[in-house]
Amino acid sequence: MLAQRTDGRFLVGGPTAAAADFTQTVTDRMPLFLAVVVGLSALLLTAVFRSLLIPLKAALLNLLTIGASLGVVTLAFEGSGPIESFIPVMIFAIVFGLSMDYEVFLVSRMHEEWERGRDAQAAVREGLATTGRVITAAGAIMIVVFGAFLLSPERMLQQFGLGLAVAILLDAFVVRCLIVPAVMGLLDDRAWWMPGWLARRLPRIALEPTEAKA
């Protein structure tokens, strides 16, 4: 009413207004943030593995893992207050990076076997047998570390720890050791397909250093 009478502009200050402005800024920038992170990661995986379906699979499964973990956080904490606005961004950034690390570790071993024998099913079996125990062991350590945040009296740390622990649990034990091998097995040779014109234009990125020729 006062603004209408005086034709003035009134600003609200304080921690509540600041939190609302921060939440709105994060919400507005989130689509761009997601597009840049997912897009650049997919482009890099495309160049490394010379495939179109592997980057698409990795992006979808990573987003599925992150979405599930954020759902668990919401389910656990929505009754006791709001979710901190920066929690989804931090969980996305950390989990997406760790998930891509596990993805490259697992699929690179499959790619080595595929390049050697051109047998897609054998490549999946060898890749999982070689890297599965390492991935689950590393995941178990991370779950314990992030799960320890739940012991903190700070609600923000509890949200952060629960989200990360659930995401790593799903990614290391379900996605990498069950879903990824199953999808790669179903795709068979198609997993390593790339159009010739695109393969010629993309740079070759070697994960392992090539031995120098004498």
N, C-alpha and C. Protein backbone atom coordinates (compact mmCIF):
# COMPACT_ATOMS: atom_id res chain seq x y z
N MET A 1 0.82 -1.19 0.00
CA MET A 1 0.00 0.00 0.00
C MET A 1 0.86 1.25 0.00
N LEU A 2 1.88 1.29 0.86
CA LEU A 2 2.74 2.45 0.93
C LEU A 2 3.48 2.68 -0.37
N ALA A 3 3.92 1.57 -1.03
CA ALA A 3 4.62 1.71 -2.30
C ALA A 3 3.71 2.30 -3.37
N GLN A 4 2.44 1.94 -3.33
CA GLN A 4 1.50 2.48 -4.31
C GLN A 4 1.24 3.96 -4.07
N ARG A 5 1.18 4.35 -2.80
CA ARG A 5 0.90 5.75 -2.49
C ARG A 5 2.07 6.66 -2.85
N THR A 6 3.26 6.20 -2.55
CA THR A 6 4.44 7.05 -2.73
C THR A 6 5.16 6.81 -4.04
N ASP A 7 4.75 5.75 -4.77
CA ASP A 7 5.43 5.37 -6.01
C ASP A 7 6.93 5.14 -5.77
N GLY A 8 7.23 4.59 -4.59
CA GLY A 8 8.62 4.33 -4.24
C GLY A 8 8.95 2.86 -4.36
N ARG A 9 10.21 2.57 -4.16
CA ARG A 9 10.70 1.19 -4.23
C ARG A 9 11.24 0.80 -2.87
N PHE A 10 10.76 -0.31 -2.32
CA PHE A 10 11.17 -0.76 -1.00
C PHE A 10 11.90 -2.10 -1.10
N LEU A 11 13.02 -2.19 -0.42
CA LEU A 11 13.83 -3.42 -0.41
C LEU A 11 13.79 -4.03 0.99
N VAL A 12 13.75 -5.32 1.03
CA VAL A 12 13.72 -6.05 2.30
C VAL A 12 15.10 -6.65 2.55
N GLY A 13 15.62 -6.44 3.74
CA GLY A 13 16.93 -6.98 4.10
C GLY A 13 16.80 -8.05 5.17
N GLY A 14 17.95 -8.51 5.64
CA GLY A 14 17.95 -9.52 6.69
C GLY A 14 18.30 -10.90 6.16
N PRO A 15 18.53 -11.85 7.06
CA PRO A 15 18.95 -13.20 6.64
C PRO A 15 17.89 -13.94 5.83
N THR A 16 16.63 -13.73 6.12
CA THR A 16 15.58 -14.42 5.36
C THR A 16 15.55 -13.96 3.92
N ALA A 17 15.62 -12.64 3.72
CA ALA A 17 15.64 -12.11 2.35
C ALA A 17 16.89 -12.55 1.61
N ALA A 18 18.02 -12.56 2.30
CA ALA A 18 19.27 -12.99 1.66
C ALA A 18 19.21 -14.45 1.25
N ALA A 19 18.64 -15.28 2.11
CA ALA A 19 18.50 -16.70 1.78
C ALA A 19 17.56 -16.90 0.59
N ALA A 20 16.49 -16.12 0.55
CA ALA A 20 15.55 -16.23 -0.57
C ALA A 20 16.21 -15.80 -1.88
N ASP A 21 17.01 -14.72 -1.84
CA ASP A 21 17.71 -14.26 -3.04
C ASP A 21 18.73 -15.29 -3.50
N PHE A 22 19.45 -15.89 -2.56
CA PHE A 22 20.45 -16.90 -2.91
C PHE A 22 19.79 -18.13 -3.53
N THR A 23 18.69 -18.56 -2.96
CA THR A 23 17.96 -19.72 -3.50
C THR A 23 17.47 -19.45 -4.91
N GLN A 24 16.96 -18.25 -5.14
CA GLN A 24 16.47 -17.90 -6.47
C GLN A 24 17.62 -17.85 -7.47
N THR A 25 18.76 -17.32 -7.06
CA THR A 25 19.92 -17.27 -7.96
C THR A 25 20.40 -18.66 -8.33
N VAL A 26 20.47 -19.54 -7.32
CA VAL A 26 20.88 -20.92 -7.59
C VAL A 26 19.90 -21.60 -8.53
N THR A 27 18.61 -21.40 -8.31
CA THR A 27 17.59 -22.01 -9.16
C THR A 27 17.70 -21.52 -10.60
N ASP A 28 17.95 -20.24 -10.78
CA ASP A 28 18.04 -19.67 -12.13
C ASP A 28 19.27 -20.18 -12.88
N ARG A 29 20.37 -20.39 -12.16
CA ARG A 29 21.61 -20.82 -12.81
C ARG A 29 21.74 -22.34 -12.94
N MET A 30 20.89 -23.08 -12.26
CA MET A 30 21.04 -24.54 -12.25
C MET A 30 20.97 -25.17 -13.64
N PRO A 31 20.01 -24.80 -14.52
CA PRO A 31 20.00 -25.42 -15.85
C PRO A 31 21.29 -25.23 -16.63
N LEU A 32 21.87 -24.03 -16.57
CA LEU A 32 23.12 -23.78 -17.27
C LEU A 32 24.25 -24.60 -16.66
N PHE A 33 24.28 -24.67 -15.34
CA PHE A 33 25.30 -25.46 -14.65
C PHE A 33 25.22 -26.93 -15.06
N LEU A 34 24.02 -27.49 -15.07
CA LEU A 34 23.84 -28.88 -15.46
C LEU A 34 24.25 -29.11 -16.91
N ALA A 35 23.85 -28.20 -17.78
CA ALA A 35 24.16 -28.36 -19.20
C ALA A 35 25.66 -28.33 -19.46
N VAL A 36 26.37 -27.42 -18.80
CA VAL A 36 27.81 -27.32 -19.01
C VAL A 36 28.53 -28.55 -18.49
N VAL A 37 28.21 -28.97 -17.26
CA VAL A 37 28.90 -30.12 -16.66
C VAL A 37 28.62 -31.40 -17.43
N VAL A 38 27.34 -31.67 -17.69
CA VAL A 38 26.97 -32.90 -18.40
C VAL A 38 27.48 -32.87 -19.83
N GLY A 39 27.34 -31.73 -20.50
CA GLY A 39 27.76 -31.63 -21.89
C GLY A 39 29.26 -31.83 -22.08
N LEU A 40 30.06 -31.16 -21.25
CA LEU A 40 31.51 -31.30 -21.37
C LEU A 40 31.97 -32.71 -21.02
N SER A 41 31.35 -33.31 -20.01
CA SER A 41 31.71 -34.68 -19.63
C SER A 41 31.38 -35.66 -20.75
N ALA A 42 30.20 -35.50 -21.35
CA ALA A 42 29.81 -36.38 -22.45
C ALA A 42 30.73 -36.22 -23.65
N LEU A 43 31.12 -34.99 -23.93
CA LEU A 43 32.03 -34.75 -25.05
C LEU A 43 33.39 -35.40 -24.81
N LEU A 44 33.88 -35.31 -23.59
CA LEU A 44 35.16 -35.92 -23.27
C LEU A 44 35.08 -37.44 -23.37
N LEU A 45 34.01 -38.04 -22.85
CA LEU A 45 33.86 -39.50 -22.94
C LEU A 45 33.71 -39.95 -24.39
N THR A 46 33.05 -39.14 -25.20
CA THR A 46 32.93 -39.48 -26.62
C THR A 46 34.28 -39.55 -27.29
N ALA A 47 35.15 -38.60 -26.99
CA ALA A 47 36.49 -38.60 -27.59
C ALA A 47 37.35 -39.73 -27.05
N VAL A 48 37.21 -40.06 -25.77
CA VAL A 48 38.05 -41.09 -25.16
C VAL A 48 37.67 -42.48 -25.65
N PHE A 49 36.37 -42.79 -25.62
CA PHE A 49 35.91 -44.15 -25.92
C PHE A 49 35.43 -44.33 -27.35
N ARG A 50 35.43 -43.27 -28.16
CA ARG A 50 35.01 -43.36 -29.55
C ARG A 50 33.62 -43.99 -29.65
N SER A 51 32.69 -43.46 -28.90
CA SER A 51 31.34 -44.02 -28.84
C SER A 51 30.35 -42.90 -28.56
N LEU A 52 29.12 -43.09 -29.05
CA LEU A 52 28.04 -42.15 -28.76
C LEU A 52 27.15 -42.64 -27.63
N LEU A 53 26.96 -43.94 -27.53
CA LEU A 53 26.03 -44.48 -26.53
C LEU A 53 26.63 -44.51 -25.14
N ILE A 54 27.93 -44.72 -25.02
CA ILE A 54 28.56 -44.77 -23.69
C ILE A 54 28.44 -43.43 -22.95
N PRO A 55 28.75 -42.29 -23.57
CA PRO A 55 28.53 -41.01 -22.87
C PRO A 55 27.08 -40.77 -22.51
N LEU A 56 26.15 -41.14 -23.40
CA LEU A 56 24.73 -40.96 -23.11
C LEU A 56 24.31 -41.81 -21.92
N LYS A 57 24.75 -43.06 -21.90
CA LYS A 57 24.46 -43.95 -20.79
C LYS A 57 25.04 -43.41 -19.48
N ALA A 58 26.28 -42.95 -19.53
CA ALA A 58 26.93 -42.44 -18.33
C ALA A 58 26.19 -41.23 -17.78
N ALA A 59 25.80 -40.31 -18.64
CA ALA A 59 25.10 -39.10 -18.19
C ALA A 59 23.76 -39.45 -17.57
N LEU A 60 23.00 -40.32 -18.20
CA LEU A 60 21.68 -40.69 -17.69
C LEU A 60 21.78 -41.40 -16.34
N LEU A 61 22.72 -42.33 -16.22
CA LEU A 61 22.85 -43.08 -14.97
C LEU A 61 23.38 -42.18 -13.85
N ASN A 62 24.27 -41.26 -14.17
CA ASN A 62 24.76 -40.34 -13.15
C ASN A 62 23.64 -39.44 -12.64
N LEU A 63 22.84 -38.93 -13.56
CA LEU A 63 21.70 -38.08 -13.15
C LEU A 63 20.69 -38.89 -12.35
N LEU A 64 20.50 -40.15 -12.70
CA LEU A 64 19.58 -41.01 -11.96
C LEU A 64 20.07 -41.20 -10.53
N THR A 65 21.37 -41.44 -10.37
CA THR A 65 21.95 -41.62 -9.04
C THR A 65 21.79 -40.35 -8.19
N ILE A 66 22.11 -39.21 -8.79
CA ILE A 66 22.02 -37.95 -8.06
C ILE A 66 20.57 -37.64 -7.69
N GLY A 67 19.65 -37.87 -8.62
CA GLY A 67 18.25 -37.63 -8.33
C GLY A 67 17.73 -38.51 -7.20
N ALA A 68 18.16 -39.78 -7.19
CA ALA A 68 17.73 -40.68 -6.12
C ALA A 68 18.27 -40.23 -4.77
N SER A 69 19.53 -39.80 -4.73
CA SER A 69 20.11 -39.37 -3.46
C SER A 69 19.44 -38.10 -2.94
N LEU A 70 19.13 -37.17 -3.83
CA LEU A 70 18.43 -35.96 -3.41
C LEU A 70 17.01 -36.28 -2.94
N GLY A 71 16.40 -37.29 -3.55
CA GLY A 71 15.09 -37.72 -3.09
C GLY A 71 15.13 -38.28 -1.67
N VAL A 72 16.18 -39.03 -1.36
CA VAL A 72 16.33 -39.56 -0.01
C VAL A 72 16.54 -38.43 0.99
N VAL A 73 17.35 -37.45 0.64
CA VAL A 73 17.57 -36.30 1.53
C VAL A 73 16.26 -35.56 1.78
N THR A 74 15.50 -35.35 0.73
CA THR A 74 14.21 -34.66 0.89
C THR A 74 13.27 -35.46 1.77
N LEU A 75 13.22 -36.76 1.55
CA LEU A 75 12.35 -37.62 2.35
C LEU A 75 12.74 -37.59 3.83
N ALA A 76 14.05 -37.53 4.09
CA ALA A 76 14.52 -37.59 5.47
C ALA A 76 14.39 -36.26 6.21
N PHE A 77 14.48 -35.14 5.50
CA PHE A 77 14.59 -33.86 6.19
C PHE A 77 13.45 -32.89 5.92
N GLU A 78 12.56 -33.17 4.96
CA GLU A 78 11.55 -32.18 4.63
C GLU A 78 10.57 -31.93 5.78
N GLY A 79 10.39 -32.91 6.65
CA GLY A 79 9.47 -32.72 7.75
C GLY A 79 10.01 -31.85 8.87
N SER A 80 11.34 -31.65 8.87
CA SER A 80 11.96 -30.88 9.95
C SER A 80 12.47 -29.52 9.51
N GLY A 81 12.16 -29.12 8.30
CA GLY A 81 12.63 -27.83 7.82
C GLY A 81 13.08 -27.92 6.37
N PRO A 82 13.48 -26.77 5.79
CA PRO A 82 13.86 -26.75 4.38
C PRO A 82 15.23 -27.39 4.14
N ILE A 83 15.44 -27.83 2.90
CA ILE A 83 16.75 -28.31 2.47
C ILE A 83 17.60 -27.10 2.11
N GLU A 84 18.83 -27.06 2.60
CA GLU A 84 19.72 -25.95 2.29
C GLU A 84 19.87 -25.81 0.77
N SER A 85 19.76 -24.60 0.27
CA SER A 85 19.69 -24.38 -1.17
C SER A 85 20.96 -24.80 -1.91
N PHE A 86 22.10 -24.76 -1.25
CA PHE A 86 23.34 -25.11 -1.93
C PHE A 86 23.64 -26.61 -1.88
N ILE A 87 22.87 -27.36 -1.09
CA ILE A 87 23.11 -28.79 -0.96
C ILE A 87 22.97 -29.53 -2.29
N PRO A 88 21.90 -29.32 -3.06
CA PRO A 88 21.80 -30.02 -4.36
C PRO A 88 22.95 -29.71 -5.30
N VAL A 89 23.41 -28.47 -5.32
CA VAL A 89 24.51 -28.10 -6.21
C VAL A 89 25.80 -28.81 -5.80
N MET A 90 26.09 -28.81 -4.52
CA MET A 90 27.31 -29.44 -4.03
C MET A 90 27.27 -30.95 -4.24
N ILE A 91 26.13 -31.56 -3.94
CA ILE A 91 26.00 -33.00 -4.14
C ILE A 91 26.14 -33.35 -5.62
N PHE A 92 25.51 -32.56 -6.48
CA PHE A 92 25.62 -32.83 -7.91
C PHE A 92 27.07 -32.75 -8.37
N ALA A 93 27.78 -31.70 -7.99
CA ALA A 93 29.15 -31.52 -8.45
C ALA A 93 30.06 -32.65 -7.96
N ILE A 94 29.97 -32.98 -6.68
CA ILE A 94 30.85 -34.00 -6.12
C ILE A 94 30.50 -35.39 -6.65
N VAL A 95 29.22 -35.73 -6.63
CA VAL A 95 28.81 -37.07 -7.06
C VAL A 95 29.03 -37.26 -8.55
N PHE A 96 28.76 -36.25 -9.34
CA PHE A 96 28.97 -36.40 -10.79
C PHE A 96 30.45 -36.63 -11.09
N GLY A 97 31.32 -35.92 -10.38
CA GLY A 97 32.75 -36.14 -10.58
C GLY A 97 33.19 -37.54 -10.16
N LEU A 98 32.73 -37.99 -9.00
CA LEU A 98 33.09 -39.34 -8.54
C LEU A 98 32.50 -40.40 -9.46
N SER A 99 31.27 -40.20 -9.90
CA SER A 99 30.63 -41.17 -10.79
C SER A 99 31.38 -41.28 -12.11
N MET A 100 31.80 -40.17 -12.66
CA MET A 100 32.57 -40.20 -13.89
C MET A 100 33.92 -40.87 -13.68
N ASP A 101 34.49 -40.69 -12.51
CA ASP A 101 35.75 -41.35 -12.19
C ASP A 101 35.57 -42.87 -12.21
N TYR A 102 34.53 -43.35 -11.55
CA TYR A 102 34.23 -44.79 -11.56
C TYR A 102 33.91 -45.27 -12.97
N GLU A 103 33.17 -44.46 -13.72
CA GLU A 103 32.80 -44.83 -15.08
C GLU A 103 34.03 -45.01 -15.97
N VAL A 104 34.92 -44.05 -15.92
CA VAL A 104 36.14 -44.13 -16.74
C VAL A 104 36.99 -45.32 -16.32
N PHE A 105 37.10 -45.55 -15.02
CA PHE A 105 37.90 -46.67 -14.51
C PHE A 105 37.35 -48.00 -15.01
N LEU A 106 36.03 -48.16 -14.97
CA LEU A 106 35.40 -49.42 -15.38
C LEU A 106 35.39 -49.57 -16.89
N VAL A 107 34.92 -48.57 -17.60
CA VAL A 107 34.73 -48.69 -19.05
C VAL A 107 36.07 -48.67 -19.78
N SER A 108 37.07 -48.00 -19.23
CA SER A 108 38.37 -48.00 -19.90
C SER A 108 38.95 -49.41 -19.96
N ARG A 109 38.71 -50.20 -18.89
CA ARG A 109 39.18 -51.59 -18.93
C ARG A 109 38.40 -52.39 -19.96
N MET A 110 37.09 -52.15 -20.06
CA MET A 110 36.31 -52.79 -21.11
C MET A 110 36.79 -52.38 -22.49
N HIS A 111 37.12 -51.11 -22.62
CA HIS A 111 37.58 -50.59 -23.92
C HIS A 111 38.90 -51.24 -24.33
N GLU A 112 39.78 -51.46 -23.38
CA GLU A 112 41.04 -52.13 -23.70
C GLU A 112 40.79 -53.53 -24.25
N GLU A 113 39.89 -54.27 -23.62
CA GLU A 113 39.57 -55.61 -24.08
C GLU A 113 38.86 -55.58 -25.43
N TRP A 114 38.01 -54.60 -25.62
CA TRP A 114 37.32 -54.46 -26.91
C TRP A 114 38.31 -54.17 -28.03
N GLU A 115 39.24 -53.29 -27.78
CA GLU A 115 40.25 -52.98 -28.79
C GLU A 115 41.13 -54.19 -29.09
N ARG A 116 41.34 -55.04 -28.10
CA ARG A 116 42.22 -56.19 -28.28
C ARG A 116 41.53 -57.32 -29.04
N GLY A 117 40.30 -57.66 -28.66
CA GLY A 117 39.68 -58.84 -29.25
C GLY A 117 38.39 -58.60 -30.01
N ARG A 118 37.82 -57.38 -29.97
CA ARG A 118 36.55 -57.06 -30.63
C ARG A 118 35.43 -57.99 -30.19
N ASP A 119 35.48 -58.44 -28.94
CA ASP A 119 34.43 -59.29 -28.37
C ASP A 119 33.78 -58.49 -27.25
N ALA A 120 32.57 -57.95 -27.51
CA ALA A 120 31.92 -57.05 -26.57
C ALA A 120 31.58 -57.74 -25.26
N GLN A 121 31.08 -58.97 -25.32
CA GLN A 121 30.69 -59.67 -24.10
C GLN A 121 31.91 -59.99 -23.24
N ALA A 122 32.99 -60.44 -23.87
CA ALA A 122 34.22 -60.72 -23.12
C ALA A 122 34.79 -59.45 -22.51
N ALA A 123 34.65 -58.32 -23.22
CA ALA A 123 35.14 -57.05 -22.69
C ALA A 123 34.38 -56.65 -21.43
N VAL A 124 33.07 -56.88 -21.41
CA VAL A 124 32.28 -56.55 -20.23
C VAL A 124 32.69 -57.43 -19.06
N ARG A 125 32.84 -58.72 -19.30
CA ARG A 125 33.22 -59.64 -18.22
C ARG A 125 34.59 -59.30 -17.66
N GLU A 126 35.55 -59.05 -18.53
CA GLU A 126 36.91 -58.76 -18.07
C GLU A 126 36.97 -57.42 -17.34
N GLY A 127 36.26 -56.42 -17.87
CA GLY A 127 36.27 -55.11 -17.24
C GLY A 127 35.70 -55.15 -15.84
N LEU A 128 34.58 -55.84 -15.66
CA LEU A 128 33.95 -55.93 -14.35
C LEU A 128 34.80 -56.76 -13.39
N ALA A 129 35.35 -57.88 -13.88
CA ALA A 129 36.17 -58.74 -13.02
C ALA A 129 37.42 -58.03 -12.54
N THR A 130 37.98 -57.17 -13.38
CA THR A 130 39.24 -56.50 -13.05
C THR A 130 39.03 -55.32 -12.11
N THR A 131 37.97 -54.57 -12.31
CA THR A 131 37.81 -53.31 -11.58
C THR A 131 36.71 -53.34 -10.53
N GLY A 132 35.84 -54.34 -10.55
CA GLY A 132 34.68 -54.34 -9.65
C GLY A 132 35.04 -54.25 -8.19
N ARG A 133 36.02 -55.05 -7.76
CA ARG A 133 36.39 -55.05 -6.34
C ARG A 133 37.01 -53.72 -5.92
N VAL A 134 37.78 -53.12 -6.81
CA VAL A 134 38.39 -51.83 -6.48
C VAL A 134 37.32 -50.75 -6.33
N ILE A 135 36.35 -50.76 -7.24
CA ILE A 135 35.27 -49.76 -7.17
C ILE A 135 34.45 -49.92 -5.90
N THR A 136 34.08 -51.14 -5.55
CA THR A 136 33.28 -51.35 -4.35
C THR A 136 34.07 -51.03 -3.08
N ALA A 137 35.36 -51.35 -3.07
CA ALA A 137 36.18 -51.02 -1.90
C ALA A 137 36.31 -49.51 -1.73
N ALA A 138 36.59 -48.82 -2.83
CA ALA A 138 36.68 -47.35 -2.76
C ALA A 138 35.35 -46.74 -2.36
N GLY A 139 34.26 -47.29 -2.91
CA GLY A 139 32.94 -46.78 -2.56
C GLY A 139 32.62 -46.98 -1.09
N ALA A 140 32.99 -48.14 -0.54
CA ALA A 140 32.73 -48.41 0.87
C ALA A 140 33.45 -47.41 1.77
N ILE A 141 34.68 -47.08 1.40
CA ILE A 141 35.44 -46.10 2.19
C ILE A 141 34.76 -44.74 2.14
N MET A 142 34.32 -44.34 0.96
CA MET A 142 33.68 -43.03 0.83
C MET A 142 32.36 -42.99 1.59
N ILE A 143 31.63 -44.10 1.59
CA ILE A 143 30.35 -44.15 2.32
C ILE A 143 30.59 -43.95 3.82
N VAL A 144 31.62 -44.58 4.35
CA VAL A 144 31.93 -44.43 5.77
C VAL A 144 32.31 -42.98 6.08
N VAL A 145 33.12 -42.39 5.20
CA VAL A 145 33.57 -41.01 5.43
C VAL A 145 32.38 -40.05 5.40
N PHE A 146 31.57 -40.14 4.35
CA PHE A 146 30.43 -39.23 4.23
C PHE A 146 29.35 -39.55 5.27
N GLY A 147 29.19 -40.83 5.59
CA GLY A 147 28.21 -41.20 6.59
C GLY A 147 28.53 -40.65 7.97
N ALA A 148 29.82 -40.40 8.23
CA ALA A 148 30.21 -39.84 9.52
C ALA A 148 29.64 -38.45 9.72
N PHE A 149 29.30 -37.75 8.62
CA PHE A 149 28.71 -36.42 8.75
C PHE A 149 27.35 -36.47 9.45
N LEU A 150 26.70 -37.63 9.40
CA LEU A 150 25.40 -37.77 10.05
C LEU A 150 25.50 -37.65 11.57
N LEU A 151 26.70 -37.85 12.11
CA LEU A 151 26.89 -37.74 13.55
C LEU A 151 27.02 -36.29 14.00
N SER A 152 27.13 -35.38 13.05
CA SER A 152 27.27 -33.97 13.39
C SER A 152 25.94 -33.41 13.87
N PRO A 153 25.96 -32.50 14.85
CA PRO A 153 24.70 -31.86 15.28
C PRO A 153 24.19 -30.84 14.27
N GLU A 154 25.03 -30.44 13.31
CA GLU A 154 24.62 -29.45 12.32
C GLU A 154 23.72 -30.10 11.27
N ARG A 155 22.54 -29.53 11.08
CA ARG A 155 21.58 -30.09 10.13
C ARG A 155 22.10 -30.05 8.71
N MET A 156 22.85 -29.02 8.37
CA MET A 156 23.39 -28.89 7.03
C MET A 156 24.38 -30.02 6.72
N LEU A 157 25.25 -30.34 7.67
CA LEU A 157 26.21 -31.43 7.47
C LEU A 157 25.51 -32.78 7.40
N GLN A 158 24.43 -32.94 8.15
CA GLN A 158 23.67 -34.18 8.07
C GLN A 158 23.07 -34.37 6.68
N GLN A 159 22.50 -33.31 6.13
CA GLN A 159 21.95 -33.38 4.78
C GLN A 159 23.04 -33.70 3.76
N PHE A 160 24.15 -33.02 3.89
CA PHE A 160 25.27 -33.21 2.98
C PHE A 160 25.79 -34.64 3.05
N GLY A 161 26.00 -35.13 4.26
CA GLY A 161 26.53 -36.48 4.44
C GLY A 161 25.58 -37.55 3.95
N LEU A 162 24.30 -37.41 4.25
CA LEU A 162 23.33 -38.41 3.81
C LEU A 162 23.24 -38.46 2.29
N GLY A 163 23.18 -37.30 1.66
CA GLY A 163 23.09 -37.27 0.21
C GLY A 163 24.28 -37.92 -0.47
N LEU A 164 25.48 -37.60 0.01
CA LEU A 164 26.68 -38.16 -0.60
C LEU A 164 26.81 -39.66 -0.31
N ALA A 165 26.50 -40.08 0.90
CA ALA A 165 26.61 -41.50 1.25
C ALA A 165 25.64 -42.34 0.42
N VAL A 166 24.40 -41.89 0.29
CA VAL A 166 23.43 -42.63 -0.49
C VAL A 166 23.83 -42.66 -1.97
N ALA A 167 24.31 -41.53 -2.50
CA ALA A 167 24.71 -41.48 -3.90
C ALA A 167 25.87 -42.44 -4.19
N ILE A 168 26.88 -42.46 -3.32
CA ILE A 168 28.01 -43.37 -3.53
C ILE A 168 27.57 -44.82 -3.37
N LEU A 169 26.69 -45.09 -2.42
CA LEU A 169 26.18 -46.45 -2.25
C LEU A 169 25.49 -46.93 -3.53
N LEU A 170 24.62 -46.12 -4.08
CA LEU A 170 23.92 -46.50 -5.29
C LEU A 170 24.86 -46.61 -6.48
N ASP A 171 25.78 -45.67 -6.59
CA ASP A 171 26.65 -45.63 -7.77
C ASP A 171 27.65 -46.78 -7.77
N ALA A 172 28.33 -47.00 -6.65
CA ALA A 172 29.39 -48.00 -6.61
C ALA A 172 28.85 -49.42 -6.59
N PHE A 173 27.77 -49.66 -5.88
CA PHE A 173 27.29 -51.03 -5.69
C PHE A 173 26.17 -51.44 -6.64
N VAL A 174 25.39 -50.47 -7.11
CA VAL A 174 24.27 -50.80 -7.98
C VAL A 174 24.56 -50.42 -9.43
N VAL A 175 24.90 -49.14 -9.65
CA VAL A 175 25.07 -48.66 -11.02
C VAL A 175 26.28 -49.27 -11.69
N ARG A 176 27.47 -49.12 -11.07
CA ARG A 176 28.71 -49.56 -11.74
C ARG A 176 28.84 -51.08 -11.79
N CYS A 177 28.39 -51.76 -10.78
CA CYS A 177 28.61 -53.21 -10.72
C CYS A 177 27.43 -54.03 -11.22
N LEU A 178 26.27 -53.41 -11.42
CA LEU A 178 25.11 -54.15 -11.91
C LEU A 178 24.54 -53.54 -13.20
N ILE A 179 24.15 -52.27 -13.13
CA ILE A 179 23.44 -51.68 -14.27
C ILE A 179 24.37 -51.46 -15.46
N VAL A 180 25.55 -50.88 -15.23
CA VAL A 180 26.45 -50.61 -16.35
C VAL A 180 26.85 -51.89 -17.08
N PRO A 181 27.31 -52.95 -16.40
CA PRO A 181 27.62 -54.18 -17.13
C PRO A 181 26.41 -54.76 -17.87
N ALA A 182 25.23 -54.68 -17.24
CA ALA A 182 24.03 -55.20 -17.90
C ALA A 182 23.71 -54.41 -19.17
N VAL A 183 23.78 -53.09 -19.10
CA VAL A 183 23.51 -52.26 -20.27
C VAL A 183 24.55 -52.49 -21.35
N MET A 184 25.82 -52.56 -20.96
CA MET A 184 26.88 -52.81 -21.94
C MET A 184 26.69 -54.17 -22.60
N GLY A 185 26.26 -55.16 -21.83
CA GLY A 185 26.01 -56.47 -22.41
C GLY A 185 24.86 -56.46 -23.39
N LEU A 186 23.80 -55.72 -23.07
CA LEU A 186 22.66 -55.63 -23.98
C LEU A 186 23.00 -54.86 -25.25
N LEU A 187 23.80 -53.82 -25.12
CA LEU A 187 24.20 -53.05 -26.29
C LEU A 187 25.13 -53.82 -27.20
N ASP A 188 25.94 -54.70 -26.61
CA ASP A 188 26.88 -55.53 -27.35
C ASP A 188 27.81 -54.63 -28.20
N ASP A 189 28.00 -54.97 -29.46
CA ASP A 189 28.93 -54.20 -30.31
C ASP A 189 28.45 -52.77 -30.53
N ARG A 190 27.15 -52.55 -30.41
CA ARG A 190 26.62 -51.19 -30.64
C ARG A 190 27.13 -50.19 -29.62
N ALA A 191 27.58 -50.67 -28.45
CA ALA A 191 28.10 -49.76 -27.43
C ALA A 191 29.30 -48.97 -27.93
N TRP A 192 30.04 -49.53 -28.88
CA TRP A 192 31.28 -48.91 -29.34
C TRP A 192 31.13 -48.27 -30.71
N TRP A 193 29.89 -48.02 -31.11
CA TRP A 193 29.64 -47.46 -32.44
C TRP A 193 29.78 -45.95 -32.44
N MET A 194 30.37 -45.46 -33.54
CA MET A 194 30.44 -44.02 -33.77
C MET A 194 30.46 -43.78 -35.27
N PRO A 195 29.72 -42.79 -35.74
CA PRO A 195 29.76 -42.49 -37.18
C PRO A 195 31.17 -42.15 -37.65
N GLY A 196 31.51 -42.59 -38.84
CA GLY A 196 32.86 -42.36 -39.34
C GLY A 196 33.23 -40.90 -39.46
N TRP A 197 32.27 -40.07 -39.89
CA TRP A 197 32.58 -38.66 -40.06
C TRP A 197 32.89 -37.99 -38.72
N LEU A 198 32.22 -38.44 -37.65
CA LEU A 198 32.48 -37.87 -36.33
C LEU A 198 33.80 -38.39 -35.77
N ALA A 199 34.09 -39.66 -36.00
CA ALA A 199 35.34 -40.24 -35.52
C ALA A 199 36.55 -39.54 -36.13
N ARG A 200 36.42 -39.13 -37.39
CA ARG A 200 37.54 -38.45 -38.05
C ARG A 200 37.75 -37.04 -37.51
N ARG A 201 36.72 -36.43 -36.99
CA ARG A 201 36.83 -35.05 -36.53
C ARG A 201 37.22 -34.93 -35.06
N LEU A 202 36.92 -35.95 -34.28
CA LEU A 202 37.24 -35.89 -32.86
C LEU A 202 38.70 -36.24 -32.62
N PRO A 203 39.35 -35.56 -31.69
CA PRO A 203 40.74 -35.93 -31.37
C PRO A 203 40.78 -37.26 -30.64
N ARG A 204 41.89 -37.96 -30.77
CA ARG A 204 42.07 -39.21 -30.04
C ARG A 204 42.76 -38.91 -28.71
N ILE A 205 42.12 -39.35 -27.64
CA ILE A 205 42.64 -39.12 -26.29
C ILE A 205 42.96 -40.48 -25.69
N ALA A 206 44.24 -40.76 -25.45
CA ALA A 206 44.66 -42.04 -24.90
C ALA A 206 44.70 -41.96 -23.38
N LEU A 207 44.04 -42.92 -22.72
CA LEU A 207 44.08 -42.97 -21.26
C LEU A 207 45.41 -43.51 -20.76
N GLU A 208 46.03 -44.39 -21.53
CA GLU A 208 47.31 -44.96 -21.14
C GLU A 208 48.39 -44.41 -22.06
N PRO A 209 49.55 -44.04 -21.52
CA PRO A 209 50.62 -43.54 -22.35
C PRO A 209 51.11 -44.63 -23.31
N THR A 210 51.29 -44.26 -24.56
CA THR A 210 51.79 -45.20 -25.54
C THR A 210 53.29 -45.39 -25.38
N GLU A 211 53.73 -46.62 -25.61
CA GLU A 211 55.15 -46.91 -25.48
C GLU A 211 55.91 -46.32 -26.66
N ALA A 212 57.02 -45.73 -26.34
CA ALA A 212 57.85 -45.13 -27.38
C ALA A 212 58.47 -46.21 -28.24
N LYS A 213 58.46 -46.01 -29.54
CA LYS A 213 59.05 -46.97 -30.46
C LYS A 213 60.57 -46.80 -30.51
N ALA A 214 61.25 -47.93 -30.61
CA ALA A 214 62.72 -47.87 -30.66
C ALA A 214 63.17 -47.34 -32.01
